[in-house]
Amino acid sequence: MTGRQGHPGARILGLGGYRPARTVPNEELCARLDSSDTWIRRRSGIVSRRHAGPDETVIAMAAHAGGKALADAGVAPADVDTVLLASMSYLYQSPAAAPQVASALGARSAAAFDVHVACAGFCYALAVADGLIRAGTSRRVLVIGSERMTDIVDPDDRGAAFLFADGAGAVLVGPAAEPGIHSVAWGSDGEQHGLIAHQEPWTAVRDAHRPWPYMRMAGSEVFRWAIREVPRTATAALSWAGVTVDQLSAFIPHQANLRITEAVAKALELPPHVVVADDIRSAGNTSAASVPLAMEALRDRGALPSGGLALLAGFGAGLAHAALVVNLP
C-alpha cells in the first residue's frame, strides 16, 4: 500500500459570500450610542453594516457562502474532503460548527473542524488548507469564515457596537502545479490577550447570575498594535513569497477599521495600481468573514484580475496575526 501523494502547491478555485438581508445604517445606531453618523464615519469609515436575522445563523450563513464558492469553482459538494470553519461567534461549546456546515452542504463524509483565531481565523485556516493539500492529506478544502458578531458585542457599547457586524465568506482550495497560496507569516502576542476579550467566562453567568459576558475591546491600544504589527507581518509574507508590492494587484486586509487599512497601506508603500479593499464601508467588521467578503466585493465590481496576486492579512483577538500572498481565482 502506497502513501498519499502531496501536491506542488494549492490555489483558490472558487469564491462566495453571504450578506444578511438587513442593512443597518449609522443613523439607526446613533441615538442608542449617543453618537453621530459623522463621528462613526470619521472614526471607522463605516457607513452601514449587515445584522443577521433569527434564521441567519453562523451555520446557515457558512453553508450559503460555501455553496456559492463550490458553484463558482464548478465542484460538487461530494468532492469536498475537508471543511474548515473560522468563527469566534459560534455560541455552542460542542459540537463544532464545521461538521454541521459540511452536512448542510452535502459534503457529509468530509473531515471538518473549527478554527478559532478570531479576526485572523480565515487567514490561519487558508494556510492550514494549503498545508493539507501540499501534504496530500486533502484534495478539496472548503475554507469559510462565518460570524454573528452582534451576538457577542454589547449593543450599548459606544466604542464597539457600531463596528461589528454579521456575514460569511468562503473559498474552495484545490491542488495546483505551482503554488497559488504562498508561505504564511503568522504569530501572536498572548501577553496582550485582554485588549480584545470576553472579560468573564461563561461560568460567571452560571454561578453568579451576572450579565451576559460580552466581548470588549480597548480600541486605541488595538489600533496602535495593528498599525505596528500588520505591516511587519505583511512585509514578511511578501518576502517569503518572493513578491514585491509592485507585483500586487490587490491588498485585502481584515476589515477592522478603514483608518487601520489606510495606515498599513501607507506603511507598505503600495503603488497606486494596487487596489485596496474597503468593504468595511458597507459591511462593518465581520471578523473571520471579512477577508473573503472583501475579496468577493472587489471581484464583483471588476477590480480583481483572475490570477493576479493579492496580499491578504488578518489580525485581532489573541492578539493573533497572519498574512499571505495568493493568486486570485
Protein backbone atom coordinates (compact mmCIF):
# COMPACT_ATOMS: atom_id res chain seq x y z
CA MET A 1 0.00 0.00 0.00
CA THR A 2 1.45 3.34 -1.04
CA GLY A 3 1.04 6.57 0.93
CA ARG A 4 -0.84 9.62 -0.20
CA GLN A 5 0.92 11.83 -2.72
CA GLY A 6 1.29 15.52 -1.98
CA HIS A 7 0.99 18.33 -4.48
CA PRO A 8 3.46 21.03 -5.56
CA GLY A 9 1.02 23.72 -4.48
CA ALA A 10 -2.56 24.77 -3.84
CA ARG A 11 -4.72 27.56 -5.18
CA ILE A 12 -8.11 29.20 -4.69
CA LEU A 13 -10.59 27.65 -7.13
CA GLY A 14 -13.81 29.45 -6.17
CA LEU A 15 -15.18 32.26 -4.04
CA GLY A 16 -18.53 33.01 -2.41
CA GLY A 17 -20.09 35.20 0.24
CA TYR A 18 -23.28 35.74 2.21
CA ARG A 19 -24.51 39.09 3.50
CA PRO A 20 -27.55 39.19 5.80
CA ALA A 21 -30.69 40.77 4.39
CA ARG A 22 -30.94 43.59 6.91
CA THR A 23 -28.84 46.70 6.25
CA VAL A 24 -28.24 48.90 9.30
CA PRO A 25 -27.13 52.47 8.53
CA ASN A 26 -25.23 54.54 11.08
CA GLU A 27 -28.29 56.64 11.83
CA GLU A 28 -30.10 53.62 13.26
CA LEU A 29 -27.41 53.20 15.92
CA CYS A 30 -26.67 56.83 16.74
CA ALA A 31 -29.38 57.53 19.31
CA ARG A 32 -28.69 54.38 21.31
CA LEU A 33 -24.94 55.01 21.27
CA ASP A 34 -25.13 58.80 21.79
CA SER A 35 -23.14 59.20 18.61
CA SER A 36 -23.44 60.66 15.10
CA ASP A 37 -23.05 59.49 11.53
CA THR A 38 -20.14 61.91 11.07
CA TRP A 39 -18.32 60.60 14.17
CA ILE A 40 -18.71 56.95 13.14
CA ARG A 41 -17.54 57.59 9.57
CA ARG A 42 -14.56 59.61 10.74
CA ARG A 43 -13.53 57.04 13.34
CA SER A 44 -14.05 53.86 11.29
CA GLY A 45 -15.07 54.59 7.69
CA ILE A 46 -18.31 52.66 8.21
CA VAL A 47 -21.49 53.91 6.53
CA SER A 48 -23.63 50.81 7.07
CA ARG A 49 -23.37 47.18 8.06
CA ARG A 50 -25.46 43.98 7.99
CA HIS A 51 -27.18 42.42 11.02
CA ALA A 52 -28.33 38.81 10.83
CA GLY A 53 -31.90 37.78 11.48
CA PRO A 54 -33.02 34.79 13.57
CA ASP A 55 -32.63 32.29 10.71
CA GLU A 56 -29.28 33.67 9.56
CA THR A 57 -27.17 31.58 11.90
CA VAL A 58 -23.40 31.03 11.79
CA ILE A 59 -24.05 27.61 10.24
CA ALA A 60 -26.70 28.76 7.75
CA MET A 61 -24.60 31.70 6.53
CA ALA A 62 -21.50 29.49 6.27
CA ALA A 63 -23.37 26.90 4.23
CA HIS A 64 -24.72 29.56 1.87
CA ALA A 65 -21.28 31.12 1.31
CA GLY A 66 -19.67 27.70 0.94
CA GLY A 67 -22.27 26.65 -1.61
CA LYS A 68 -21.54 29.76 -3.69
CA ALA A 69 -17.80 29.03 -3.59
CA LEU A 70 -18.42 25.46 -4.78
CA ALA A 71 -20.69 26.65 -7.59
CA ASP A 72 -18.10 29.26 -8.58
CA ALA A 73 -15.47 26.53 -8.84
CA GLY A 74 -17.78 24.04 -10.56
CA VAL A 75 -17.12 21.44 -7.87
CA ALA A 76 -19.76 19.15 -6.37
CA PRO A 77 -20.16 19.00 -2.56
CA ALA A 78 -19.37 15.28 -2.61
CA ASP A 79 -15.89 16.13 -3.93
CA VAL A 80 -15.02 18.23 -0.86
CA ASP A 81 -12.96 16.19 1.59
CA THR A 82 -12.28 18.85 4.24
CA VAL A 83 -14.27 21.80 5.65
CA LEU A 84 -12.57 24.42 7.83
CA LEU A 85 -14.77 26.97 9.60
CA ALA A 86 -13.25 30.08 11.14
CA SER A 87 -15.54 31.76 13.67
CA MET A 88 -15.37 33.45 17.06
CA SER A 89 -19.12 33.91 17.48
CA TYR A 90 -20.48 30.35 17.34
CA LEU A 91 -22.04 30.04 20.78
CA TYR A 92 -22.10 26.27 21.28
CA GLN A 93 -19.13 24.80 23.11
CA SER A 94 -19.86 21.48 21.39
CA PRO A 95 -20.21 20.08 18.88
CA ALA A 96 -18.11 22.10 16.46
CA ALA A 97 -19.92 24.02 13.74
CA ALA A 98 -17.88 22.76 10.77
CA PRO A 99 -19.33 19.21 10.64
CA GLN A 100 -22.83 20.71 10.61
CA VAL A 101 -21.85 23.05 7.79
CA ALA A 102 -20.40 20.13 5.82
CA SER A 103 -23.63 18.18 6.28
CA ALA A 104 -25.77 21.16 5.23
CA LEU A 105 -23.69 21.50 2.06
CA GLY A 106 -23.90 17.81 1.18
CA ALA A 107 -20.25 17.07 1.95
CA ARG A 108 -21.32 14.51 4.51
CA SER A 109 -18.17 12.39 4.57
CA ALA A 110 -15.75 15.33 4.73
CA ALA A 111 -13.39 15.90 7.62
CA ALA A 112 -14.48 19.11 9.32
CA PHE A 113 -13.21 21.25 12.19
CA ASP A 114 -13.40 24.78 13.55
CA VAL A 115 -10.51 27.26 13.58
CA HIS A 116 -10.86 29.67 16.50
CA VAL A 117 -8.45 32.56 15.86
CA ALA A 118 -10.94 35.44 15.84
CA CYS A 119 -10.35 38.04 13.11
CA ALA A 120 -7.20 36.27 11.90
CA GLY A 121 -9.10 32.99 11.58
CA PHE A 122 -9.67 32.99 7.82
CA CYS A 123 -6.00 33.59 7.01
CA TYR A 124 -4.95 30.91 9.52
CA ALA A 125 -7.45 28.44 8.01
CA LEU A 126 -6.31 29.23 4.47
CA ALA A 127 -2.71 28.45 5.48
CA VAL A 128 -3.88 25.16 7.02
CA ALA A 129 -5.75 24.28 3.82
CA ASP A 130 -2.61 24.94 1.78
CA GLY A 131 -0.62 22.62 4.04
CA LEU A 132 -3.24 19.86 3.88
CA ILE A 133 -3.21 19.86 0.09
CA ARG A 134 0.57 20.04 -0.23
CA ALA A 135 0.86 17.09 2.17
CA GLY A 136 -1.68 15.04 0.23
CA THR A 137 -4.00 14.82 3.25
CA SER A 138 -6.78 16.63 1.37
CA ARG A 139 -7.57 17.46 -2.23
CA ARG A 140 -10.51 19.88 -2.00
CA VAL A 141 -10.72 22.08 1.10
CA LEU A 142 -13.56 24.49 1.73
CA VAL A 143 -12.40 27.40 3.92
CA ILE A 144 -15.18 29.50 5.45
CA GLY A 145 -15.34 32.49 7.78
CA SER A 146 -18.78 32.98 9.32
CA GLU A 147 -19.75 35.37 12.11
CA ARG A 148 -22.70 36.74 14.07
CA MET A 149 -20.70 39.36 15.94
CA THR A 150 -23.92 41.03 17.05
CA ASP A 151 -24.42 38.10 19.42
CA ILE A 152 -21.21 38.74 21.35
CA VAL A 153 -20.92 42.56 21.32
CA ASP A 154 -22.87 44.74 23.76
CA PRO A 155 -25.36 46.78 21.68
CA ASP A 156 -24.84 49.66 24.13
CA ASP A 157 -21.04 49.65 23.89
CA ARG A 158 -20.29 53.03 22.34
CA GLY A 159 -16.78 52.00 21.35
CA ALA A 160 -17.64 48.70 19.64
CA ALA A 161 -21.31 48.29 18.75
CA PHE A 162 -21.04 50.41 15.60
CA LEU A 163 -18.02 48.43 14.37
CA PHE A 164 -19.08 44.80 14.38
CA ALA A 165 -21.49 43.06 12.04
CA ASP A 166 -22.51 39.71 10.56
CA GLY A 167 -21.84 37.70 7.41
CA ALA A 168 -19.92 34.82 5.85
CA GLY A 169 -17.33 34.33 3.12
CA ALA A 170 -15.74 31.21 1.66
CA VAL A 171 -13.13 29.94 -0.77
CA LEU A 172 -12.58 26.48 -2.22
CA VAL A 173 -8.93 25.45 -2.30
CA GLY A 174 -7.54 22.71 -4.53
CA PRO A 175 -4.23 21.33 -5.86
CA ALA A 176 -2.09 23.23 -8.36
CA ALA A 177 1.02 22.57 -10.42
CA GLU A 178 2.59 25.68 -8.92
CA PRO A 179 1.92 27.41 -5.58
CA GLY A 180 -1.06 29.76 -5.69
CA ILE A 181 -1.05 30.20 -1.91
CA HIS A 182 2.35 31.29 -0.68
CA SER A 183 4.04 30.82 2.69
CA VAL A 184 2.13 32.34 5.58
CA ALA A 185 3.70 34.79 8.03
CA TRP A 186 1.87 34.49 11.33
CA GLY A 187 2.19 34.86 15.07
CA SER A 188 0.51 36.00 18.27
CA ASP A 189 1.08 38.07 21.39
CA GLY A 190 -0.77 36.37 24.22
CA GLU A 191 0.53 38.84 26.78
CA GLN A 192 -1.91 41.37 25.34
CA HIS A 193 -4.86 38.99 25.10
CA GLY A 194 -7.02 41.25 27.25
CA LEU A 195 -7.19 44.02 24.63
CA ILE A 196 -9.94 42.15 22.76
CA ALA A 197 -11.62 39.68 25.04
CA HIS A 198 -14.62 38.47 26.96
CA GLN A 199 -13.98 39.83 30.42
CA GLU A 200 -15.56 36.84 32.19
CA PRO A 201 -16.03 33.14 31.40
CA TRP A 202 -19.45 31.57 30.86
CA THR A 203 -19.25 30.10 34.38
CA ALA A 204 -19.68 33.63 35.76
CA VAL A 205 -23.19 33.62 34.34
CA ARG A 206 -23.90 30.15 35.64
CA ASP A 207 -22.52 30.62 39.13
CA ALA A 208 -23.26 34.25 39.95
CA HIS A 209 -26.13 35.10 37.58
CA ARG A 210 -24.17 38.00 36.16
CA PRO A 211 -24.96 39.76 32.87
CA TRP A 212 -24.05 38.17 29.55
CA PRO A 213 -20.22 38.32 29.17
CA TYR A 214 -19.89 40.46 26.08
CA MET A 215 -16.64 40.87 24.20
CA ARG A 216 -14.85 44.15 25.00
CA MET A 217 -12.13 45.92 23.07
CA ALA A 218 -9.53 48.52 24.02
CA GLY A 219 -9.82 50.34 20.71
CA SER A 220 -6.92 52.78 20.96
CA GLU A 221 -4.46 50.13 22.10
CA VAL A 222 -5.59 47.70 19.38
CA PHE A 223 -5.24 50.43 16.76
CA ARG A 224 -1.65 51.15 17.80
CA TRP A 225 -0.79 47.44 17.87
CA ALA A 226 -2.32 46.82 14.43
CA ILE A 227 -0.56 49.65 12.60
CA ARG A 228 2.72 48.48 14.12
CA GLU A 229 2.39 44.70 13.72
CA VAL A 230 0.44 44.23 10.49
CA PRO A 231 3.00 45.96 8.21
CA ARG A 232 5.74 43.75 9.70
CA THR A 233 3.73 40.58 9.17
CA ALA A 234 2.69 41.63 5.66
CA THR A 235 6.28 42.50 4.71
CA ALA A 236 7.44 39.07 5.89
CA ALA A 237 4.74 37.37 3.80
CA LEU A 238 5.81 39.30 0.71
CA SER A 239 9.44 38.39 1.30
CA TRP A 240 8.74 34.68 1.77
CA ALA A 241 6.60 34.66 -1.39
CA GLY A 242 9.35 36.42 -3.34
CA VAL A 243 6.87 39.14 -4.31
CA THR A 244 7.29 42.92 -4.31
CA VAL A 245 4.49 45.42 -3.77
CA ASP A 246 4.79 46.41 -7.44
CA GLN A 247 3.69 42.90 -8.44
CA LEU A 248 0.50 43.01 -6.37
CA SER A 249 -2.94 43.57 -7.86
CA ALA A 250 -4.72 43.97 -4.52
CA PHE A 251 -4.30 44.36 -0.78
CA ILE A 252 -7.16 42.68 1.11
CA PRO A 253 -6.74 43.05 4.87
CA HIS A 254 -9.17 42.20 7.63
CA GLN A 255 -11.79 44.93 7.56
CA ALA A 256 -11.30 46.14 11.12
CA ASN A 257 -11.24 49.87 10.60
CA LEU A 258 -10.65 51.97 7.47
CA ARG A 259 -8.07 54.07 9.35
CA ILE A 260 -6.05 50.90 10.09
CA THR A 261 -6.26 49.80 6.45
CA GLU A 262 -5.07 53.20 5.23
CA ALA A 263 -2.23 53.34 7.75
CA VAL A 264 -1.00 49.85 6.83
CA ALA A 265 -1.25 50.56 3.08
CA LYS A 266 0.82 53.71 3.61
CA ALA A 267 3.43 51.86 5.67
CA LEU A 268 3.75 49.22 2.93
CA GLU A 269 4.18 51.98 0.32
CA LEU A 270 1.68 50.35 -2.02
CA PRO A 271 1.79 51.83 -5.54
CA PRO A 272 -1.36 53.46 -6.97
CA HIS A 273 -2.29 50.48 -9.15
CA VAL A 274 -2.79 48.20 -6.12
CA VAL A 275 -6.49 48.02 -5.26
CA VAL A 276 -7.06 48.31 -1.50
CA ALA A 277 -10.20 46.63 -0.11
CA ASP A 278 -12.61 48.97 1.67
CA ASP A 279 -15.59 46.65 2.19
CA ILE A 280 -15.84 47.89 5.78
CA ARG A 281 -17.73 50.93 4.47
CA SER A 282 -20.83 48.82 3.81
CA ALA A 283 -20.13 45.59 5.72
CA GLY A 284 -18.63 46.68 9.03
CA ASN A 285 -16.20 44.43 10.86
CA THR A 286 -17.25 40.83 10.27
CA SER A 287 -14.20 39.29 11.96
CA ALA A 288 -13.20 36.00 10.29
CA ALA A 289 -15.62 36.61 7.41
CA SER A 290 -14.20 39.98 6.39
CA VAL A 291 -11.31 38.95 4.12
CA PRO A 292 -13.30 36.62 1.80
CA LEU A 293 -16.25 39.03 1.78
CA ALA A 294 -13.96 41.90 0.81
CA MET A 295 -12.38 39.72 -1.89
CA GLU A 296 -15.81 38.90 -3.31
CA ALA A 297 -16.84 42.58 -3.25
CA LEU A 298 -13.77 43.59 -5.24
CA ARG A 299 -14.31 40.83 -7.78
CA ASP A 300 -18.00 41.72 -8.15
CA ARG A 301 -17.09 45.25 -9.17
CA GLY A 302 -14.47 44.03 -11.64
CA ALA A 303 -11.47 45.22 -9.66
CA LEU A 304 -9.62 41.89 -9.40
CA PRO A 305 -7.80 40.28 -12.35
CA SER A 306 -8.05 36.50 -12.37
CA GLY A 307 -4.65 35.04 -11.50
CA GLY A 308 -3.37 38.35 -10.14
CA LEU A 309 -1.55 38.47 -6.81
CA ALA A 310 -3.28 39.66 -3.66
CA LEU A 311 -1.81 40.23 -0.21
CA LEU A 312 -4.21 39.03 2.49
CA ALA A 313 -3.84 39.97 6.16
CA GLY A 314 -5.81 39.06 9.26
CA PHE A 315 -5.36 40.35 12.81
CA GLY A 316 -7.30 40.60 16.03
CA ALA A 317 -8.06 38.95 19.37
CA GLY A 318 -5.29 36.83 20.75
CA LEU A 319 -3.52 39.01 19.72
CA ALA A 320 -3.11 36.91 16.57
CA HIS A 321 -1.97 37.99 13.13
CA ALA A 322 -1.33 36.35 9.75
CA ALA A 323 -0.58 37.41 6.19
CA LEU A 324 -0.06 35.54 2.94
CA VAL A 325 0.09 36.17 -0.79
CA VAL A 326 -2.37 34.34 -3.03
CA ASN A 327 -3.19 34.11 -6.71
CA LEU A 328 -6.72 35.34 -7.22
CA PRO A 329 -9.35 32.94 -8.61
